[in-house]
Amino acid sequence: MPDRETLGSDASFDAVIRGVDGTTAESSDISRIDRWWGRMLSTHVRQRIWSWGGPAFVTLLAAVLRLWNIGNPHMLVFDETFYVKDAWSQWNNGYSTTWPDNADEQFASGHTDIFGTVGSYVVHPPFAKWLIGAGMAVFGADSSIGWRISTALVGVLAVLLVTLIARQLFQSKLLGVIAGGLLAIDGHAIVMSRVALLDSYVMFFALCGFACVLLDRRWHERRLASALAARAASGRPLTWGPAIWARPWVIAAGVFFGLCTATKWSGLYFLAAFGLYLVVVDALARRRAGVPFWASAAILKQGPATFLLLVPVALVVYVVSWTGWFVTDGGYDRQFAATEGNAWTGAFSWVPLAVQSLVTYHQSMYEFHVGLSTPHPYQSNPWSWLLMLRPVAMWYEGVPEGTGGCTGDRVSDITSIANPLIWWAGAAAAVYLVVRLVLKRDWTIGLVLMGFVGGYLPWLLYTERTVFQFYSIAFEPYLILALTLVIGLVLGKPGDPPDRRKSGILTVGVFGTFCLLLTAFWYPLWTATPVPTWFVGLHYWLQSWI
């Protein structure tokens, strides 16, 4: 892991100013900005304010950008037509049910209880739809705020979580605030927090699991070292070393990856990626500790223990998310196995009929997903996602003259185009980190890149499927962390030559300023704010964005 100073940490600033022996460093060795920052954090009160005020500020900024006018438009946007209505019928019936034809207009006009009782064929698990339904239960199903509030809150919490993760990962409060700030102002994250789709929930629960894996790393290292020391003190050979079962953060990760999978099956990729990561990390820890058979111990001894702490927990959470389907009778395929001739026979005939029916339903869902190739004007090849070549226009409508004081030719638009500077810089940073990992073998970089392994790489196997750029919200936090790590390298450390330090701070400052300006420029098109058509045209930098 890069040391704190390398990443521009404020935590090590006092040590750099005073020197390790308590003497004061020469002022010529410290940049003027660092001296000013040192004075700003010269008391414990100010340090505490900075410690909590920074995360609070970026979280508040995220809340304002996501919650302002969130009820606009009061129409079901893009795939909200599926998830909002499914969520409301599920909230009332325990399972998603069918709706009459042309239900969107009736639903938006306040006729929200026109759903039936016949189970609807839905192809995603139910957990996130319970959360969307909870928002409607609080604000009313006739409120477009109610449709979207749960997704918006998840988006805000993701900003706070990224801030805290970056602080822990890079051991820098400053870089934590930078990471949270970048996610707070990015348009893709803003749009995905303002529409009631499932993908922001995938992102959030995977990020929670990522945080647990990060916290487990130090927990595991301490307990492994203690166990090995005790074994050495007793004269027993290290051989394979012990299996560490007391790993609560791994259990917590299993819970969150289970919730992620209970939102969309793509959560399985995160479970697999970080499960493999835990095994590799254990192997490397044993090798550093001098365990002779470190590789076989990680795979054959600790590996099964880690598996049992992680995977069954995720499976239980996933199955529990289907409780509404289990305890009612009308869900789609709920009575399949109970129908004559459909029940299993032979060795598995003892399996409860409800479970048999759920397995059959899942087989159907799997066939749907692998065979999904219906053309869509905004589908995109996953290879293009890092370049952001085909973002999704989720809403576009002309605004009649006189509506809300509007005059002239104006339109209302919601497009999932990210802040171009943040996205492209983050993509470049991710590619750079791949190279740096080969050269430096830094665990911090490896952990960040595992987010791409779980959230992006699997989609490259499905280039023929109908998929969309907005799926990339699942790995956007790791793109932001990659960019933040590179920003830390650009900033340098307080002990660097003043000219080097000044140029690093200036570069990051200019970059941040342009990011903010672009967010202001794009924000109307992320929030369905009526604007002139010529203004919309200024934002189509690439022909493929239209």
Protein backbone atom coordinates (compact mmCIF):
# COMPACT_ATOMS: atom_id res chain seq x y z
CA MET A 1 0.00 0.00 0.00
CA PRO A 2 1.35 3.48 -0.80
CA ASP A 3 2.33 5.26 2.40
CA ARG A 4 0.23 8.09 3.75
CA GLU A 5 2.58 10.82 2.59
CA THR A 6 2.69 9.48 -0.96
CA LEU A 7 -1.06 9.89 -1.14
CA GLY A 8 -1.03 13.44 0.14
CA SER A 9 -2.43 12.50 3.52
CA ASP A 10 -3.29 15.20 5.99
CA ALA A 11 -2.78 12.59 8.74
CA SER A 12 0.98 12.67 8.33
CA PHE A 13 1.27 16.43 7.89
CA ASP A 14 2.28 17.33 11.42
CA ALA A 15 5.01 14.70 11.39
CA VAL A 16 6.41 16.14 8.19
CA ILE A 17 6.34 19.72 9.50
CA ARG A 18 7.94 18.91 12.85
CA GLY A 19 10.12 16.03 11.79
CA VAL A 20 10.25 12.69 13.54
CA ASP A 21 12.45 14.09 16.35
CA GLY A 22 10.04 16.92 17.18
CA THR A 23 12.14 19.66 15.61
CA THR A 24 10.64 22.04 13.11
CA ALA A 25 11.41 21.47 9.46
CA GLU A 26 12.92 24.29 7.46
CA SER A 27 10.18 26.47 6.00
CA SER A 28 11.88 26.29 2.62
CA ASP A 29 11.21 22.54 2.62
CA ILE A 30 7.45 23.00 2.97
CA SER A 31 5.15 24.60 0.42
CA ARG A 32 3.16 27.66 1.42
CA ILE A 33 -0.13 25.77 0.93
CA ASP A 34 1.03 23.01 3.27
CA ARG A 35 2.04 25.54 5.89
CA TRP A 36 -1.40 27.15 5.63
CA TRP A 37 -3.10 23.76 5.89
CA GLY A 38 -1.02 22.94 8.93
CA ARG A 39 -2.22 26.12 10.63
CA MET A 40 -5.82 25.30 9.72
CA LEU A 41 -5.52 21.91 11.47
CA SER A 42 -3.42 23.15 14.37
CA THR A 43 -5.94 22.27 17.11
CA HIS A 44 -7.79 19.08 18.00
CA VAL A 45 -11.12 20.86 17.58
CA ARG A 46 -10.29 21.87 14.03
CA GLN A 47 -9.05 18.38 13.24
CA ARG A 48 -12.29 16.93 14.54
CA ILE A 49 -14.32 19.39 12.47
CA TRP A 50 -12.35 18.41 9.38
CA SER A 51 -12.64 14.72 10.21
CA TRP A 52 -16.43 14.80 10.25
CA GLY A 53 -17.20 18.00 8.40
CA GLY A 54 -15.61 16.85 5.14
CA PRO A 55 -17.71 13.67 4.80
CA ALA A 56 -20.80 15.56 5.98
CA PHE A 57 -20.29 18.25 3.34
CA VAL A 58 -19.92 15.89 0.35
CA THR A 59 -22.87 13.83 1.61
CA LEU A 60 -25.00 16.97 1.87
CA LEU A 61 -23.89 18.01 -1.61
CA ALA A 62 -24.88 14.58 -2.93
CA ALA A 63 -28.27 14.87 -1.21
CA VAL A 64 -29.00 18.27 -2.75
CA LEU A 65 -28.04 17.17 -6.26
CA ARG A 66 -30.08 13.98 -6.01
CA LEU A 67 -33.15 15.14 -4.13
CA TRP A 68 -33.80 18.52 -5.73
CA ASN A 69 -37.00 18.31 -7.78
CA ILE A 70 -36.76 14.51 -7.78
CA GLY A 71 -40.47 14.17 -8.50
CA ASN A 72 -39.97 15.65 -11.97
CA PRO A 73 -41.13 14.29 -14.34
CA HIS A 74 -44.30 12.87 -12.85
CA MET A 75 -44.20 10.02 -15.34
CA LEU A 76 -42.61 6.59 -15.28
CA VAL A 77 -39.17 7.01 -16.83
CA PHE A 78 -37.50 4.29 -18.91
CA ASP A 79 -37.54 0.97 -16.98
CA GLU A 80 -39.41 2.53 -14.08
CA THR A 81 -42.42 1.18 -15.95
CA PHE A 82 -41.37 -2.27 -14.71
CA TYR A 83 -39.80 -1.71 -11.34
CA VAL A 84 -42.11 0.89 -9.83
CA LYS A 85 -45.28 -0.99 -10.69
CA ASP A 86 -43.76 -4.35 -9.73
CA ALA A 87 -42.63 -2.84 -6.43
CA TRP A 88 -46.10 -1.51 -5.62
CA SER A 89 -47.96 -4.71 -6.45
CA GLN A 90 -45.33 -6.69 -4.55
CA TRP A 91 -45.72 -4.39 -1.54
CA ASN A 92 -49.46 -5.05 -1.52
CA ASN A 93 -49.61 -8.72 -2.53
CA GLY A 94 -46.25 -10.10 -1.43
CA TYR A 95 -45.32 -10.80 -5.04
CA SER A 96 -45.34 -8.86 -8.31
CA THR A 97 -48.60 -9.06 -10.24
CA THR A 98 -49.91 -8.16 -13.66
CA TRP A 99 -51.23 -4.74 -14.65
CA PRO A 100 -53.80 -3.78 -17.31
CA ASP A 101 -52.68 -2.51 -20.69
CA ASN A 102 -51.58 1.12 -20.84
CA ALA A 103 -51.26 1.21 -17.06
CA ASP A 104 -48.45 3.79 -16.99
CA GLU A 105 -50.69 6.78 -17.68
CA GLN A 106 -53.30 5.60 -15.19
CA PHE A 107 -50.65 4.97 -12.55
CA ALA A 108 -49.12 8.42 -13.01
CA SER A 109 -52.57 10.04 -12.79
CA GLY A 110 -53.14 8.50 -9.37
CA HIS A 111 -54.92 5.23 -10.18
CA THR A 112 -52.29 3.13 -8.45
CA ASP A 113 -54.34 0.18 -7.20
CA ILE A 114 -55.33 -1.26 -10.56
CA PHE A 115 -52.94 -4.19 -10.33
CA GLY A 116 -54.32 -7.70 -10.41
CA THR A 117 -53.63 -10.79 -8.34
CA VAL A 118 -52.13 -13.00 -11.05
CA GLY A 119 -48.38 -13.39 -10.61
CA SER A 120 -46.28 -11.42 -13.09
CA TYR A 121 -43.25 -12.91 -14.80
CA VAL A 122 -40.38 -10.81 -13.43
CA VAL A 123 -36.78 -11.67 -14.22
CA HIS A 124 -35.00 -10.06 -11.29
CA PRO A 125 -35.10 -11.04 -7.60
CA PRO A 126 -37.38 -9.04 -5.30
CA PHE A 127 -35.24 -7.37 -2.64
CA ALA A 128 -34.66 -3.90 -4.13
CA LYS A 129 -38.32 -3.72 -5.14
CA TRP A 130 -39.23 -4.02 -1.45
CA LEU A 131 -37.14 -0.91 -0.85
CA ILE A 132 -38.77 0.96 -3.73
CA GLY A 133 -42.16 -0.12 -2.40
CA ALA A 134 -41.26 1.17 1.06
CA GLY A 135 -40.70 4.63 -0.40
CA MET A 136 -44.13 4.56 -2.00
CA ALA A 137 -45.69 3.33 1.25
CA VAL A 138 -44.28 6.38 3.02
CA PHE A 139 -44.93 9.09 0.40
CA GLY A 140 -47.83 7.48 -1.42
CA ALA A 141 -47.86 5.47 -4.62
CA ASP A 142 -49.35 8.49 -6.41
CA SER A 143 -46.21 10.52 -5.61
CA SER A 144 -43.31 10.41 -8.02
CA ILE A 145 -41.14 11.35 -5.04
CA GLY A 146 -42.28 8.11 -3.43
CA TRP A 147 -41.27 6.16 -6.54
CA ARG A 148 -37.69 7.42 -6.39
CA ILE A 149 -36.89 8.37 -2.82
CA SER A 150 -35.42 5.02 -1.77
CA THR A 151 -33.10 4.95 -4.78
CA ALA A 152 -32.02 8.53 -4.09
CA LEU A 153 -31.21 7.76 -0.45
CA VAL A 154 -29.16 4.76 -1.53
CA GLY A 155 -27.27 7.03 -3.93
CA VAL A 156 -26.56 9.53 -1.16
CA LEU A 157 -25.39 6.82 1.24
CA ALA A 158 -23.09 5.48 -1.48
CA VAL A 159 -21.29 8.85 -1.55
CA LEU A 160 -20.76 8.74 2.22
CA LEU A 161 -19.59 5.13 1.99
CA VAL A 162 -17.09 5.90 -0.77
CA THR A 163 -15.77 8.77 1.34
CA LEU A 164 -15.19 6.51 4.34
CA ILE A 165 -13.79 3.68 2.22
CA ALA A 166 -11.28 5.98 0.53
CA ARG A 167 -10.26 7.40 3.91
CA GLN A 168 -9.59 3.89 5.21
CA LEU A 169 -8.05 2.58 2.02
CA PHE A 170 -5.67 5.48 1.43
CA GLN A 171 -5.32 6.55 5.07
CA SER A 172 -6.16 10.12 4.12
CA LYS A 173 -9.13 12.26 5.10
CA LEU A 174 -8.41 14.57 2.18
CA LEU A 175 -8.54 11.79 -0.40
CA GLY A 176 -11.67 10.47 1.24
CA VAL A 177 -13.39 13.82 0.70
CA ILE A 178 -12.09 14.00 -2.87
CA ALA A 179 -13.45 10.53 -3.67
CA GLY A 180 -16.84 11.29 -2.14
CA GLY A 181 -16.95 14.66 -3.86
CA LEU A 182 -16.25 13.18 -7.29
CA LEU A 183 -19.04 10.62 -6.90
CA ALA A 184 -21.36 13.31 -5.52
CA ILE A 185 -21.05 15.50 -8.62
CA ASP A 186 -20.87 12.86 -11.33
CA GLY A 187 -23.86 12.89 -13.65
CA HIS A 188 -24.15 9.15 -14.17
CA ALA A 189 -24.34 8.59 -10.42
CA ILE A 190 -26.79 11.49 -10.07
CA VAL A 191 -29.14 10.21 -12.78
CA MET A 192 -29.05 6.64 -11.48
CA SER A 193 -29.99 7.98 -8.04
CA ARG A 194 -32.95 9.91 -9.44
CA VAL A 195 -34.70 7.12 -11.34
CA ALA A 196 -36.18 4.00 -9.72
CA LEU A 197 -34.06 1.35 -11.44
CA LEU A 198 -32.34 -1.56 -9.71
CA ASP A 199 -28.74 -0.90 -10.66
CA SER A 200 -27.95 1.65 -7.96
CA TYR A 201 -28.91 -0.96 -5.38
CA VAL A 202 -26.51 -3.43 -6.98
CA MET A 203 -23.80 -0.78 -6.73
CA PHE A 204 -24.57 0.07 -3.11
CA PHE A 205 -24.74 -3.44 -1.67
CA ALA A 206 -21.64 -4.51 -3.60
CA LEU A 207 -19.88 -1.44 -2.19
CA CYS A 208 -20.96 -2.44 1.33
CA GLY A 209 -19.48 -5.88 0.72
CA PHE A 210 -16.29 -4.25 -0.57
CA ALA A 211 -16.04 -2.22 2.64
CA CYS A 212 -16.38 -5.39 4.71
CA VAL A 213 -13.63 -7.10 2.72
CA LEU A 214 -11.40 -4.07 3.32
CA LEU A 215 -12.06 -4.18 7.08
CA ASP A 216 -11.48 -7.93 7.17
CA ARG A 217 -7.97 -7.54 5.77
CA ARG A 218 -6.48 -6.01 8.91
CA TRP A 219 -8.69 -8.14 11.18
CA HIS A 220 -7.45 -11.32 9.49
CA GLU A 221 -3.78 -10.28 9.50
CA ARG A 222 -3.81 -9.59 13.24
CA ARG A 223 -5.45 -12.87 14.14
CA LEU A 224 -3.29 -14.90 11.78
CA ALA A 225 -0.14 -13.33 13.24
CA SER A 226 -1.35 -14.00 16.78
CA ALA A 227 -2.20 -17.62 16.01
CA LEU A 228 1.12 -18.24 14.29
CA ALA A 229 3.03 -16.65 17.17
CA ALA A 230 1.20 -18.86 19.67
CA ARG A 231 1.97 -21.91 17.60
CA ALA A 232 5.64 -21.00 17.33
CA ALA A 233 5.84 -20.30 21.08
CA SER A 234 4.47 -23.75 21.83
CA GLY A 235 7.06 -25.37 19.60
CA ARG A 236 4.60 -26.64 17.03
CA PRO A 237 5.65 -26.41 13.38
CA LEU A 238 3.91 -23.81 11.24
CA THR A 239 3.32 -26.21 8.34
CA TRP A 240 -0.01 -24.89 6.99
CA GLY A 241 -0.89 -22.59 9.83
CA PRO A 242 -4.35 -22.31 11.43
CA ALA A 243 -7.77 -21.84 9.89
CA ILE A 244 -9.18 -18.54 11.14
CA TRP A 245 -12.92 -18.85 11.76
CA ALA A 246 -13.48 -15.66 13.75
CA ARG A 247 -13.99 -13.33 10.76
CA PRO A 248 -17.16 -11.32 11.33
CA TRP A 249 -16.41 -8.99 8.45
CA VAL A 250 -16.46 -11.92 6.02
CA ILE A 251 -19.89 -12.90 7.36
CA ALA A 252 -21.06 -9.30 6.93
CA ALA A 253 -19.69 -9.31 3.38
CA GLY A 254 -21.73 -12.45 2.71
CA VAL A 255 -24.86 -10.63 3.89
CA PHE A 256 -24.26 -7.66 1.59
CA PHE A 257 -23.26 -9.72 -1.44
CA GLY A 258 -26.40 -11.76 -0.80
CA LEU A 259 -28.49 -8.58 -0.85
CA CYS A 260 -26.69 -7.52 -4.01
CA THR A 261 -27.57 -10.82 -5.68
CA ALA A 262 -31.13 -10.56 -4.33
CA THR A 263 -31.39 -7.34 -6.35
CA LYS A 264 -29.88 -8.61 -9.59
CA TRP A 265 -28.04 -11.79 -10.39
CA SER A 266 -25.02 -9.75 -11.44
CA GLY A 267 -24.32 -9.54 -7.71
CA LEU A 268 -22.98 -13.09 -8.01
CA TYR A 269 -20.00 -11.72 -9.90
CA PHE A 270 -19.03 -9.58 -6.93
CA LEU A 271 -19.47 -12.53 -4.56
CA ALA A 272 -17.20 -14.68 -6.71
CA ALA A 273 -14.60 -11.96 -7.30
CA PHE A 274 -14.18 -10.99 -3.67
CA GLY A 275 -14.41 -14.58 -2.48
CA LEU A 276 -11.42 -15.35 -4.69
CA TYR A 277 -9.72 -12.19 -3.42
CA LEU A 278 -10.06 -13.36 0.19
CA VAL A 279 -8.32 -16.63 -0.65
CA VAL A 280 -5.47 -14.90 -2.49
CA VAL A 281 -4.98 -12.38 0.32
CA ASP A 282 -4.80 -15.21 2.86
CA ALA A 283 -2.22 -17.03 0.74
CA LEU A 284 -0.02 -13.94 0.51
CA ALA A 285 -0.37 -13.26 4.24
CA ARG A 286 0.77 -16.80 5.04
CA ARG A 287 3.69 -16.51 2.68
CA ARG A 288 4.83 -13.28 4.32
CA ALA A 289 4.51 -14.93 7.72
CA GLY A 290 6.81 -17.75 6.66
CA VAL A 291 4.24 -20.54 6.50
CA PRO A 292 5.92 -23.33 4.46
CA PHE A 293 2.84 -24.60 2.66
CA TRP A 294 1.17 -21.23 2.30
CA ALA A 295 -0.57 -21.88 -1.05
CA SER A 296 -2.08 -25.22 -0.16
CA ALA A 297 -3.04 -23.90 3.27
CA ALA A 298 -4.93 -20.97 1.74
CA ILE A 299 -6.77 -23.18 -0.73
CA LEU A 300 -7.35 -26.38 1.26
CA LYS A 301 -7.47 -25.19 4.87
CA GLN A 302 -8.50 -21.54 5.13
CA GLY A 303 -10.31 -21.60 1.78
CA PRO A 304 -13.12 -23.95 2.91
CA ALA A 305 -13.54 -21.95 6.13
CA THR A 306 -13.79 -18.69 4.18
CA PHE A 307 -16.26 -20.29 1.79
CA LEU A 308 -18.51 -21.42 4.65
CA LEU A 309 -18.38 -17.98 6.25
CA LEU A 310 -19.24 -16.21 2.99
CA VAL A 311 -21.25 -18.21 0.46
CA PRO A 312 -23.89 -19.97 2.61
CA VAL A 313 -24.62 -16.64 4.30
CA ALA A 314 -25.19 -15.01 0.91
CA LEU A 315 -27.38 -17.94 -0.15
CA VAL A 316 -29.55 -17.70 2.97
CA VAL A 317 -29.98 -13.95 2.50
CA TYR A 318 -30.93 -14.51 -1.13
CA VAL A 319 -33.54 -17.17 -0.33
CA VAL A 320 -35.00 -15.07 2.50
CA SER A 321 -35.52 -12.21 0.03
CA TRP A 322 -38.13 -14.46 -1.65
CA THR A 323 -40.19 -14.73 1.56
CA GLY A 324 -43.15 -12.86 0.07
CA TRP A 325 -43.27 -15.33 -2.80
CA PHE A 326 -43.02 -18.32 -0.41
CA VAL A 327 -45.72 -17.28 2.07
CA THR A 328 -48.32 -16.46 -0.59
CA ASP A 329 -49.89 -18.65 -3.26
CA GLY A 330 -50.23 -16.43 -6.30
CA GLY A 331 -46.66 -15.65 -7.32
CA TYR A 332 -45.48 -16.56 -10.80
CA ASP A 333 -44.76 -20.32 -11.00
CA ARG A 334 -45.56 -20.60 -7.27
CA GLN A 335 -47.80 -23.63 -7.87
CA PHE A 336 -45.76 -25.18 -10.67
CA ALA A 337 -44.51 -28.21 -8.73
CA ALA A 338 -47.91 -28.69 -7.10
CA THR A 339 -49.45 -29.23 -10.53
CA GLU A 340 -49.82 -32.89 -11.41
CA GLY A 341 -46.87 -34.27 -13.31
CA ASN A 342 -44.45 -31.42 -12.49
CA ALA A 343 -43.07 -32.51 -9.12
CA TRP A 344 -39.60 -34.03 -8.98
CA THR A 345 -39.25 -37.74 -8.63
CA GLY A 346 -36.46 -39.99 -7.48
CA ALA A 347 -33.66 -38.88 -5.19
CA PHE A 348 -34.90 -35.28 -4.91
CA SER A 349 -38.59 -35.96 -4.44
CA TRP A 350 -38.27 -34.94 -0.77
CA VAL A 351 -37.52 -31.31 -1.67
CA PRO A 352 -40.48 -29.08 -0.67
CA LEU A 353 -42.76 -28.27 -3.60
CA ALA A 354 -42.30 -24.53 -3.09
CA VAL A 355 -38.54 -24.91 -3.47
CA GLN A 356 -39.01 -27.05 -6.58
CA SER A 357 -41.22 -24.35 -8.05
CA LEU A 358 -38.65 -21.65 -7.24
CA VAL A 359 -35.90 -23.67 -8.94
CA THR A 360 -38.07 -24.03 -12.05
CA TYR A 361 -38.75 -20.29 -12.00
CA HIS A 362 -35.02 -19.59 -11.75
CA GLN A 363 -34.32 -21.85 -14.71
CA SER A 364 -36.77 -19.77 -16.72
CA MET A 365 -35.15 -16.54 -15.53
CA TYR A 366 -31.72 -17.83 -16.53
CA GLU A 367 -32.92 -18.77 -20.01
CA PHE A 368 -34.41 -15.30 -20.40
CA HIS A 369 -31.20 -13.54 -19.45
CA VAL A 370 -28.82 -15.59 -21.60
CA GLY A 371 -31.14 -15.30 -24.58
CA LEU A 372 -31.92 -11.59 -24.28
CA SER A 373 -30.98 -10.04 -27.62
CA THR A 374 -33.92 -7.81 -28.50
CA PRO A 375 -32.50 -4.75 -30.33
CA HIS A 376 -32.81 -1.41 -28.52
CA PRO A 377 -31.73 2.00 -29.82
CA TYR A 378 -29.68 2.70 -26.68
CA GLN A 379 -28.04 -0.68 -26.17
CA SER A 380 -24.25 -0.61 -26.07
CA ASN A 381 -21.37 -3.02 -26.29
CA PRO A 382 -19.69 -3.45 -22.88
CA TRP A 383 -16.30 -2.88 -24.51
CA SER A 384 -17.40 0.72 -25.06
CA TRP A 385 -18.50 1.48 -21.50
CA LEU A 386 -15.20 2.93 -20.30
CA LEU A 387 -15.25 5.24 -23.32
CA MET A 388 -18.90 6.15 -22.65
CA LEU A 389 -19.85 5.94 -26.31
CA ARG A 390 -23.56 5.21 -25.94
CA PRO A 391 -25.21 6.57 -22.79
CA VAL A 392 -28.95 6.20 -22.36
CA ALA A 393 -31.48 8.97 -22.93
CA MET A 394 -34.07 8.03 -20.31
CA TRP A 395 -36.46 10.91 -20.89
CA TYR A 396 -36.97 13.52 -23.60
CA GLU A 397 -40.06 15.66 -23.99
CA GLY A 398 -40.95 18.97 -25.49
CA VAL A 399 -42.17 21.58 -23.01
CA PRO A 400 -45.28 23.45 -24.22
CA GLU A 401 -44.90 27.21 -24.29
CA GLY A 402 -46.24 28.78 -21.13
CA THR A 403 -45.75 25.68 -18.99
CA GLY A 404 -44.12 26.76 -15.76
CA GLY A 405 -43.31 30.13 -17.31
CA CYS A 406 -41.44 28.56 -20.24
CA THR A 407 -41.31 30.45 -23.49
CA GLY A 408 -40.03 29.44 -26.88
CA ASP A 409 -38.76 26.06 -28.03
CA ARG A 410 -37.74 24.18 -24.89
CA VAL A 411 -37.28 20.53 -23.96
CA SER A 412 -36.97 18.42 -20.82
CA ASP A 413 -34.23 15.80 -20.89
CA ILE A 414 -32.76 13.07 -18.67
CA THR A 415 -29.59 11.57 -20.06
CA SER A 416 -27.24 9.26 -18.19
CA ILE A 417 -24.10 10.84 -19.61
CA ALA A 418 -21.50 11.01 -16.85
CA ASN A 419 -19.43 14.08 -16.13
CA PRO A 420 -17.11 13.53 -19.12
CA LEU A 421 -13.96 14.71 -17.35
CA ILE A 422 -14.52 12.52 -14.30
CA TRP A 423 -15.49 9.46 -16.33
CA TRP A 424 -12.72 9.58 -18.91
CA ALA A 425 -10.08 10.48 -16.35
CA GLY A 426 -11.32 7.63 -14.15
CA ALA A 427 -11.16 5.19 -17.05
CA ALA A 428 -7.60 6.28 -17.83
CA ALA A 429 -6.72 5.93 -14.14
CA ALA A 430 -8.10 2.38 -14.09
CA VAL A 431 -5.95 1.41 -17.07
CA TYR A 432 -2.93 3.03 -15.43
CA LEU A 433 -3.53 1.10 -12.23
CA VAL A 434 -3.45 -2.19 -14.13
CA VAL A 435 0.05 -1.30 -15.30
CA ARG A 436 1.06 -0.03 -11.88
CA LEU A 437 -0.15 -3.23 -10.24
CA VAL A 438 2.17 -5.26 -12.44
CA LEU A 439 5.08 -3.00 -11.54
CA LYS A 440 4.37 -2.29 -7.87
CA ARG A 441 2.20 -5.22 -6.71
CA ASP A 442 0.37 -2.91 -4.35
CA TRP A 443 -2.55 -4.48 -2.45
CA THR A 444 -4.47 -1.18 -2.45
CA ILE A 445 -4.47 -1.13 -6.24
CA GLY A 446 -5.36 -4.80 -6.38
CA LEU A 447 -8.38 -4.33 -4.13
CA VAL A 448 -9.69 -1.39 -6.17
CA LEU A 449 -9.27 -3.32 -9.42
CA MET A 450 -11.23 -6.25 -7.99
CA GLY A 451 -14.24 -3.95 -8.13
CA PHE A 452 -13.82 -3.90 -11.91
CA VAL A 453 -13.36 -7.66 -11.95
CA GLY A 454 -16.71 -8.13 -10.24
CA GLY A 455 -18.62 -5.26 -11.81
CA TYR A 456 -17.27 -4.96 -15.35
CA LEU A 457 -15.24 -7.87 -16.71
CA PRO A 458 -18.11 -10.42 -16.71
CA TRP A 459 -20.13 -8.21 -19.03
CA LEU A 460 -17.43 -8.50 -21.67
CA LEU A 461 -18.59 -12.10 -22.14
CA TYR A 462 -22.07 -10.91 -23.17
CA THR A 463 -21.37 -8.65 -26.10
CA GLU A 464 -24.29 -10.09 -28.08
CA ARG A 465 -26.85 -9.44 -25.33
CA THR A 466 -29.03 -6.36 -25.03
CA VAL A 467 -27.18 -4.44 -22.34
CA PHE A 468 -26.84 -0.75 -21.51
CA GLN A 469 -24.20 1.75 -20.44
CA PHE A 470 -26.04 2.49 -17.19
CA TYR A 471 -25.14 -1.00 -15.92
CA SER A 472 -21.71 0.52 -15.35
CA ILE A 473 -23.01 2.23 -12.20
CA ALA A 474 -22.14 -1.08 -10.49
CA PHE A 475 -18.42 -0.44 -10.93
CA GLU A 476 -18.40 3.36 -10.92
CA PRO A 477 -17.29 3.60 -7.25
CA TYR A 478 -14.11 1.70 -8.14
CA LEU A 479 -13.54 3.98 -11.12
CA ILE A 480 -13.79 6.89 -8.67
CA LEU A 481 -11.39 5.17 -6.23
CA ALA A 482 -8.93 4.54 -9.07
CA LEU A 483 -9.07 8.20 -10.04
CA THR A 484 -8.66 9.26 -6.41
CA LEU A 485 -5.58 7.09 -5.98
CA VAL A 486 -3.99 8.71 -9.03
CA ILE A 487 -4.98 12.16 -7.72
CA GLY A 488 -3.12 11.28 -4.52
CA LEU A 489 -0.03 10.45 -6.55
CA VAL A 490 -0.32 13.75 -8.43
CA LEU A 491 -0.70 15.69 -5.18
CA GLY A 492 2.50 14.21 -3.84
CA LYS A 493 3.39 14.51 -0.17
CA PRO A 494 3.97 17.49 2.11
CA GLY A 495 7.69 16.75 2.29
CA ASP A 496 8.16 16.97 -1.48
CA PRO A 497 10.10 19.92 -2.91
CA PRO A 498 7.84 23.00 -2.77
CA ASP A 499 7.73 23.42 -6.55
CA ARG A 500 6.73 19.78 -7.04
CA ARG A 501 4.11 20.00 -4.32
CA LYS A 502 2.74 23.29 -5.61
CA SER A 503 2.40 21.98 -9.17
CA GLY A 504 0.62 18.86 -7.92
CA ILE A 505 -1.86 20.84 -5.85
CA LEU A 506 -2.43 23.29 -8.70
CA THR A 507 -3.06 20.46 -11.18
CA VAL A 508 -5.59 18.80 -8.89
CA GLY A 509 -7.23 22.16 -8.15
CA VAL A 510 -7.64 22.97 -11.85
CA PHE A 511 -9.00 19.47 -12.49
CA GLY A 512 -11.52 19.79 -9.67
CA THR A 513 -12.64 23.23 -10.84
CA PHE A 514 -13.35 21.98 -14.35
CA CYS A 515 -15.22 18.98 -12.92
CA LEU A 516 -17.48 21.35 -10.98
CA LEU A 517 -18.03 23.57 -14.01
CA LEU A 518 -19.00 20.59 -16.16
CA THR A 519 -21.43 19.40 -13.50
CA ALA A 520 -23.11 22.81 -13.51
CA PHE A 521 -23.20 22.70 -17.32
CA TRP A 522 -24.74 19.22 -17.48
CA TYR A 523 -27.01 19.29 -14.44
CA PRO A 524 -30.16 20.49 -16.27
CA LEU A 525 -29.90 17.47 -18.60
CA TRP A 526 -29.58 15.10 -15.65
CA THR A 527 -32.68 16.44 -13.90
CA ALA A 528 -35.32 17.07 -16.60
CA THR A 529 -34.96 20.83 -16.20
CA PRO A 530 -36.58 22.63 -19.17
CA VAL A 531 -33.90 24.19 -21.38
CA PRO A 532 -33.74 25.58 -24.94
CA THR A 533 -33.10 23.02 -27.66
CA TRP A 534 -29.90 24.80 -28.65
CA PHE A 535 -28.60 24.30 -25.11
CA VAL A 536 -29.21 20.56 -25.35
CA GLY A 537 -27.30 20.49 -28.62
CA LEU A 538 -24.21 21.88 -26.91
CA HIS A 539 -23.99 18.69 -24.85
CA TYR A 540 -23.89 16.19 -27.70
CA TRP A 541 -20.11 16.09 -28.00
CA LEU A 542 -20.19 12.74 -29.77
CA GLN A 543 -22.59 11.71 -32.52
CA SER A 544 -23.30 8.48 -30.64
CA TRP A 545 -24.64 10.46 -27.66
CA ILE A 546 -27.69 11.59 -29.62
